[in-house]
Amino acid sequence: MDSHNIPTKSVLILGVGVHATSYKDTCDRIIIWARNKTSCYIVAANVHVVMTAYWQPRYQQIINKAEVVTPDGMPLVWALRLLGVSGQTRVYGPDLMLALCEKAANGGIPIYLYGGTEAVLIKLQTNLLQRFPSLEISGVHSPPFRALTPEEETFDINRIHASGAAIVFVGLGCPKQEEWMTRQQGKLQAVMVGVGAAFSFHSGDVSQSPRWMMNLGLEWLYRFATEPGRLWRRYLVNNPAFVVLFGLQLCKHLFSAKKSGVAD
């Protein structure tokens, strides 16, 4: 059996199945699905995604239907390690996008950029083509920020199909992008990859946290300092709640492991 037909290990973190994967494993799988025009979607999950899913059961179902859910944030990486996935590394959405663009450029796989503003998309295309000159960007679209009508969504899907794109990067933000992707599963014959703020980062519209802060799990602090009005609830409510709730889950996990060990 092809190893890429074997699902990666999924570990529940507050009810969300996060996969023990890597950039290479995730990219290899996506490229195979893209070549086969498989209709599926990928989620890069951070604490915000997990906590939104915790509070909203319908959204949790959407996340758990994804083909792959990567540990996008360091807290989820640490959580996977604590739950027994030794050596787990981060699979960060913006870096995953660049890794996929490189593979798509080398493999002649056309991509599509869906989301962001028109100004961001112009700068994003320029920057991606400077970095990957052979990358085929078959189309881009900035949908309105309001809810789309069914007719508008169908029009967008038809436009993406007509472009020939096999990978669609979706930059609508959480939870909008995941809701959009699950509605298109089975309709859009392409791999959809939710990348959140990657459009803003790679266009240069928003600055990324320094790598040393990312490695220490302090990216949230950098982003909060740059956009406090928009992000305060995400970080000052969700982050402490995650620490408490995951702490309880970890205690149960360790107790069960200890009890099992005693029983053995």
Protein backbone atom coordinates (compact mmCIF):
# COMPACT_ATOMS: atom_id res chain seq x y z
CA MET A 1 0.00 0.00 0.00
CA ASP A 2 1.22 3.52 -0.79
CA SER A 3 2.37 5.07 2.48
CA HIS A 4 0.51 8.25 1.61
CA ASN A 5 -2.78 6.35 1.78
CA ILE A 6 -2.01 5.52 5.39
CA PRO A 7 -3.36 8.25 7.68
CA THR A 8 -0.91 9.95 9.99
CA LYS A 9 -1.36 9.41 13.71
CA SER A 10 -3.96 11.75 15.18
CA VAL A 11 -3.91 12.77 18.84
CA LEU A 12 -6.89 14.45 20.51
CA ILE A 13 -6.13 17.80 22.11
CA LEU A 14 -9.29 19.13 23.80
CA GLY A 15 -11.36 17.16 21.29
CA VAL A 16 -9.43 18.23 18.18
CA GLY A 17 -7.48 15.55 16.34
CA VAL A 18 -4.02 16.99 15.64
CA HIS A 19 -1.73 14.92 13.43
CA ALA A 20 1.80 13.85 14.26
CA THR A 21 3.31 14.99 10.99
CA SER A 22 6.13 17.05 9.47
CA TYR A 23 6.58 19.51 6.60
CA LYS A 24 7.88 16.75 4.33
CA ASP A 25 5.12 14.27 5.18
CA THR A 26 2.36 16.87 4.83
CA CYS A 27 3.77 18.29 1.58
CA ASP A 28 4.29 14.83 0.05
CA ARG A 29 0.71 13.87 0.79
CA ILE A 30 -0.69 17.16 -0.53
CA ILE A 31 1.27 16.87 -3.79
CA ILE A 32 -0.11 13.36 -4.38
CA TRP A 33 -3.66 14.53 -3.67
CA ALA A 34 -3.14 17.57 -5.91
CA ARG A 35 -1.94 15.42 -8.82
CA ASN A 36 -5.03 13.23 -8.38
CA LYS A 37 -7.29 16.31 -8.05
CA THR A 38 -8.54 14.94 -4.72
CA SER A 39 -11.14 17.16 -3.06
CA CYS A 40 -9.93 17.61 0.52
CA TYR A 41 -8.71 20.26 2.93
CA ILE A 42 -5.82 20.86 5.31
CA VAL A 43 -5.98 22.81 8.58
CA ALA A 44 -3.01 24.44 10.33
CA ALA A 45 -4.22 24.45 13.93
CA ASN A 46 -3.04 26.75 16.70
CA VAL A 47 -4.49 27.45 20.15
CA HIS A 48 -7.06 29.81 18.63
CA VAL A 49 -8.35 27.05 16.33
CA VAL A 50 -8.44 24.45 19.11
CA MET A 51 -10.22 26.76 21.55
CA THR A 52 -12.73 27.93 18.94
CA ALA A 53 -13.46 24.25 18.29
CA TYR A 54 -13.75 23.62 22.04
CA TRP A 55 -16.43 26.31 22.43
CA GLN A 56 -18.20 25.51 19.12
CA PRO A 57 -18.95 21.79 18.55
CA ARG A 58 -19.95 22.36 14.91
CA TYR A 59 -16.58 23.95 14.19
CA GLN A 60 -14.86 21.06 15.97
CA GLN A 61 -16.56 18.66 13.55
CA ILE A 62 -15.27 20.73 10.63
CA ILE A 63 -11.69 20.59 11.91
CA ASN A 64 -11.87 16.86 12.57
CA LYS A 65 -13.05 16.20 9.00
CA ALA A 66 -9.85 17.71 7.58
CA GLU A 67 -7.47 15.31 5.84
CA VAL A 68 -4.57 16.65 7.89
CA VAL A 69 -4.53 18.97 10.93
CA THR A 70 -1.00 20.22 11.52
CA PRO A 71 0.40 21.52 14.83
CA ASP A 72 0.75 25.14 13.71
CA GLY A 73 1.55 26.62 17.15
CA MET A 74 4.27 25.67 19.64
CA PRO A 75 1.74 25.01 22.45
CA LEU A 76 0.25 22.24 20.31
CA VAL A 77 3.71 20.87 19.57
CA TRP A 78 4.44 20.73 23.30
CA ALA A 79 1.01 19.19 23.93
CA LEU A 80 1.68 16.40 21.42
CA ARG A 81 5.05 15.70 23.02
CA LEU A 82 3.50 15.55 26.48
CA LEU A 83 0.88 13.14 25.15
CA GLY A 84 3.55 10.76 23.89
CA VAL A 85 4.56 11.98 20.42
CA SER A 86 8.28 12.33 21.02
CA GLY A 87 10.23 14.54 18.64
CA GLN A 88 7.15 16.30 17.26
CA THR A 89 8.05 19.53 15.43
CA ARG A 90 6.00 22.51 14.38
CA VAL A 91 4.23 22.56 11.00
CA TYR A 92 3.53 26.28 10.73
CA GLY A 93 0.95 27.39 8.16
CA PRO A 94 2.97 30.21 6.54
CA ASP A 95 6.07 28.01 6.25
CA LEU A 96 3.96 25.11 4.95
CA MET A 97 2.67 27.44 2.23
CA LEU A 98 6.22 28.29 1.11
CA ALA A 99 7.27 24.63 1.20
CA LEU A 100 4.26 23.69 -0.95
CA CYS A 101 4.91 26.55 -3.39
CA GLU A 102 8.45 25.26 -3.87
CA LYS A 103 7.21 21.72 -4.54
CA ALA A 104 4.44 23.01 -6.82
CA ALA A 105 6.94 25.10 -8.78
CA ASN A 106 9.29 22.13 -9.19
CA GLY A 107 6.45 19.78 -10.10
CA GLY A 108 4.52 22.04 -12.46
CA ILE A 109 1.44 22.05 -10.22
CA PRO A 110 -0.71 25.20 -10.59
CA ILE A 111 -1.89 26.99 -7.46
CA TYR A 112 -4.68 29.45 -6.68
CA LEU A 113 -4.79 32.19 -4.03
CA TYR A 114 -8.22 32.71 -2.47
CA GLY A 115 -8.71 35.37 0.21
CA GLY A 116 -7.12 38.59 1.41
CA THR A 117 -7.57 42.01 -0.14
CA GLU A 118 -6.78 42.85 -3.75
CA ALA A 119 -3.77 44.91 -2.62
CA VAL A 120 -2.43 42.01 -0.54
CA LEU A 121 -2.89 39.55 -3.43
CA ILE A 122 -0.95 41.80 -5.82
CA LYS A 123 2.01 42.01 -3.45
CA LEU A 124 1.73 38.32 -2.54
CA GLN A 125 1.90 37.22 -6.19
CA THR A 126 4.93 39.42 -6.81
CA ASN A 127 6.79 38.10 -3.77
CA LEU A 128 5.98 34.44 -4.48
CA LEU A 129 7.12 34.72 -8.12
CA GLN A 130 10.33 36.44 -7.07
CA ARG A 131 11.02 33.55 -4.72
CA PHE A 132 9.76 30.78 -7.03
CA PRO A 133 10.07 32.02 -10.66
CA SER A 134 8.64 28.81 -12.14
CA LEU A 135 5.57 28.80 -9.87
CA GLU A 136 2.32 28.77 -11.84
CA ILE A 137 -0.25 30.98 -10.12
CA SER A 138 -3.27 30.11 -12.20
CA GLY A 139 -5.60 32.58 -10.50
CA VAL A 140 -6.34 34.78 -7.51
CA HIS A 141 -9.52 36.13 -6.00
CA SER A 142 -10.38 38.46 -3.14
CA PRO A 143 -13.94 37.60 -2.07
CA PRO A 144 -16.02 40.18 -0.21
CA PHE A 145 -15.72 40.10 3.58
CA ARG A 146 -19.45 39.50 4.00
CA ALA A 147 -21.09 36.08 3.77
CA LEU A 148 -21.27 34.85 0.18
CA THR A 149 -24.52 33.79 -1.46
CA PRO A 150 -24.71 30.19 -2.78
CA GLU A 151 -24.57 31.61 -6.31
CA GLU A 152 -21.38 33.55 -5.52
CA GLU A 153 -19.73 30.48 -4.01
CA THR A 154 -20.63 28.40 -7.07
CA PHE A 155 -19.23 31.11 -9.33
CA ASP A 156 -15.97 31.12 -7.35
CA ILE A 157 -15.69 27.31 -7.55
CA ASN A 158 -16.29 27.38 -11.31
CA ARG A 159 -13.63 30.07 -11.68
CA ILE A 160 -11.10 27.99 -9.73
CA HIS A 161 -11.91 24.88 -11.80
CA ALA A 162 -11.50 26.87 -15.01
CA SER A 163 -8.07 28.02 -13.84
CA GLY A 164 -6.83 24.43 -13.63
CA ALA A 165 -5.46 24.92 -10.11
CA ALA A 166 -4.69 21.76 -8.13
CA ILE A 167 -3.80 23.47 -4.83
CA VAL A 168 -5.92 26.31 -3.45
CA PHE A 169 -4.41 28.38 -0.64
CA VAL A 170 -7.25 29.83 1.44
CA GLY A 171 -6.51 32.94 3.48
CA LEU A 172 -9.86 33.90 5.00
CA GLY A 173 -8.89 33.56 8.67
CA CYS A 174 -10.30 31.31 11.39
CA PRO A 175 -13.10 30.13 11.44
CA LYS A 176 -14.22 31.47 8.08
CA GLN A 177 -11.66 29.63 5.97
CA GLU A 178 -12.36 26.23 7.52
CA GLU A 179 -16.11 26.75 7.10
CA TRP A 180 -15.54 27.68 3.45
CA MET A 181 -13.32 24.66 2.80
CA THR A 182 -15.73 22.14 4.29
CA ARG A 183 -18.55 23.55 2.14
CA GLN A 184 -16.43 23.03 -0.98
CA GLN A 185 -15.29 19.50 -0.17
CA GLY A 186 -16.63 17.23 -2.88
CA LYS A 187 -17.36 20.25 -5.11
CA LEU A 188 -13.89 21.66 -5.66
CA GLN A 189 -11.56 19.12 -7.28
CA ALA A 190 -8.40 20.44 -5.64
CA VAL A 191 -6.58 20.37 -2.32
CA MET A 192 -7.55 23.33 -0.15
CA VAL A 193 -4.97 24.51 2.36
CA GLY A 194 -6.06 26.98 5.07
CA VAL A 195 -3.12 29.27 5.80
CA GLY A 196 -4.70 32.11 7.80
CA ALA A 197 -2.39 35.11 8.12
CA ALA A 198 0.16 33.73 5.64
CA PHE A 199 -1.18 35.99 2.88
CA SER A 200 -0.58 39.07 5.03
CA PHE A 201 2.86 37.84 6.13
CA HIS A 202 4.19 36.84 2.71
CA SER A 203 2.84 39.96 1.04
CA GLY A 204 4.72 42.07 3.58
CA ASP A 205 1.47 43.63 4.74
CA VAL A 206 1.95 42.37 8.32
CA SER A 207 5.29 41.67 9.98
CA GLN A 208 6.02 38.19 11.34
CA SER A 209 7.26 37.48 14.81
CA PRO A 210 11.04 36.94 15.11
CA ARG A 211 11.96 33.25 14.90
CA TRP A 212 13.37 33.18 18.42
CA MET A 213 9.99 34.28 19.77
CA MET A 214 8.25 31.61 17.67
CA ASN A 215 10.58 28.92 19.02
CA LEU A 216 9.80 29.97 22.60
CA GLY A 217 6.06 29.96 21.95
CA LEU A 218 5.88 33.75 22.27
CA GLU A 219 4.57 34.55 18.80
CA TRP A 220 1.21 35.39 20.37
CA LEU A 221 2.87 38.14 22.44
CA TYR A 222 4.40 39.74 19.35
CA ARG A 223 1.12 39.65 17.44
CA PHE A 224 -0.83 40.92 20.45
CA ALA A 225 1.58 43.85 20.78
CA THR A 226 1.12 44.76 17.11
CA GLU A 227 -2.68 44.34 16.97
CA PRO A 228 -4.05 44.52 20.55
CA GLY A 229 -7.48 45.83 19.61
CA ARG A 230 -8.19 42.92 17.27
CA LEU A 231 -6.41 40.10 19.07
CA TRP A 232 -6.86 40.73 22.81
CA ARG A 233 -9.73 38.29 23.24
CA ARG A 234 -7.95 35.57 21.27
CA TYR A 235 -4.86 35.69 23.46
CA LEU A 236 -5.99 36.96 26.86
CA VAL A 237 -9.00 34.63 27.06
CA ASN A 238 -8.13 31.62 24.89
CA ASN A 239 -4.52 31.14 25.96
CA PRO A 240 -5.16 30.89 29.73
CA ALA A 241 -8.22 28.71 29.08
CA PHE A 242 -6.12 26.37 26.95
CA VAL A 243 -3.45 26.04 29.65
CA VAL A 244 -6.04 25.13 32.30
CA LEU A 245 -8.08 22.75 30.13
CA PHE A 246 -5.09 21.01 28.61
CA GLY A 247 -3.56 20.71 32.07
CA LEU A 248 -6.65 18.79 33.16
CA GLN A 249 -6.48 16.58 30.04
CA LEU A 250 -2.79 15.87 30.69
CA CYS A 251 -3.48 14.92 34.31
CA LYS A 252 -6.13 12.44 33.16
CA HIS A 253 -3.75 11.09 30.52
CA LEU A 254 -0.93 10.58 33.03
CA PHE A 255 -3.30 9.04 35.59
CA SER A 256 -4.64 6.60 33.00
CA ALA A 257 -1.13 5.70 31.88
CA LYS A 258 -0.03 5.13 35.47
CA LYS A 259 -3.14 3.07 36.22
CA SER A 260 -2.56 0.98 33.09
CA GLY A 261 1.05 0.44 34.08
CA VAL A 262 0.02 -0.73 37.53
CA ALA A 263 -2.59 -3.06 36.03
CA ASP A 264 0.00 -4.57 33.70
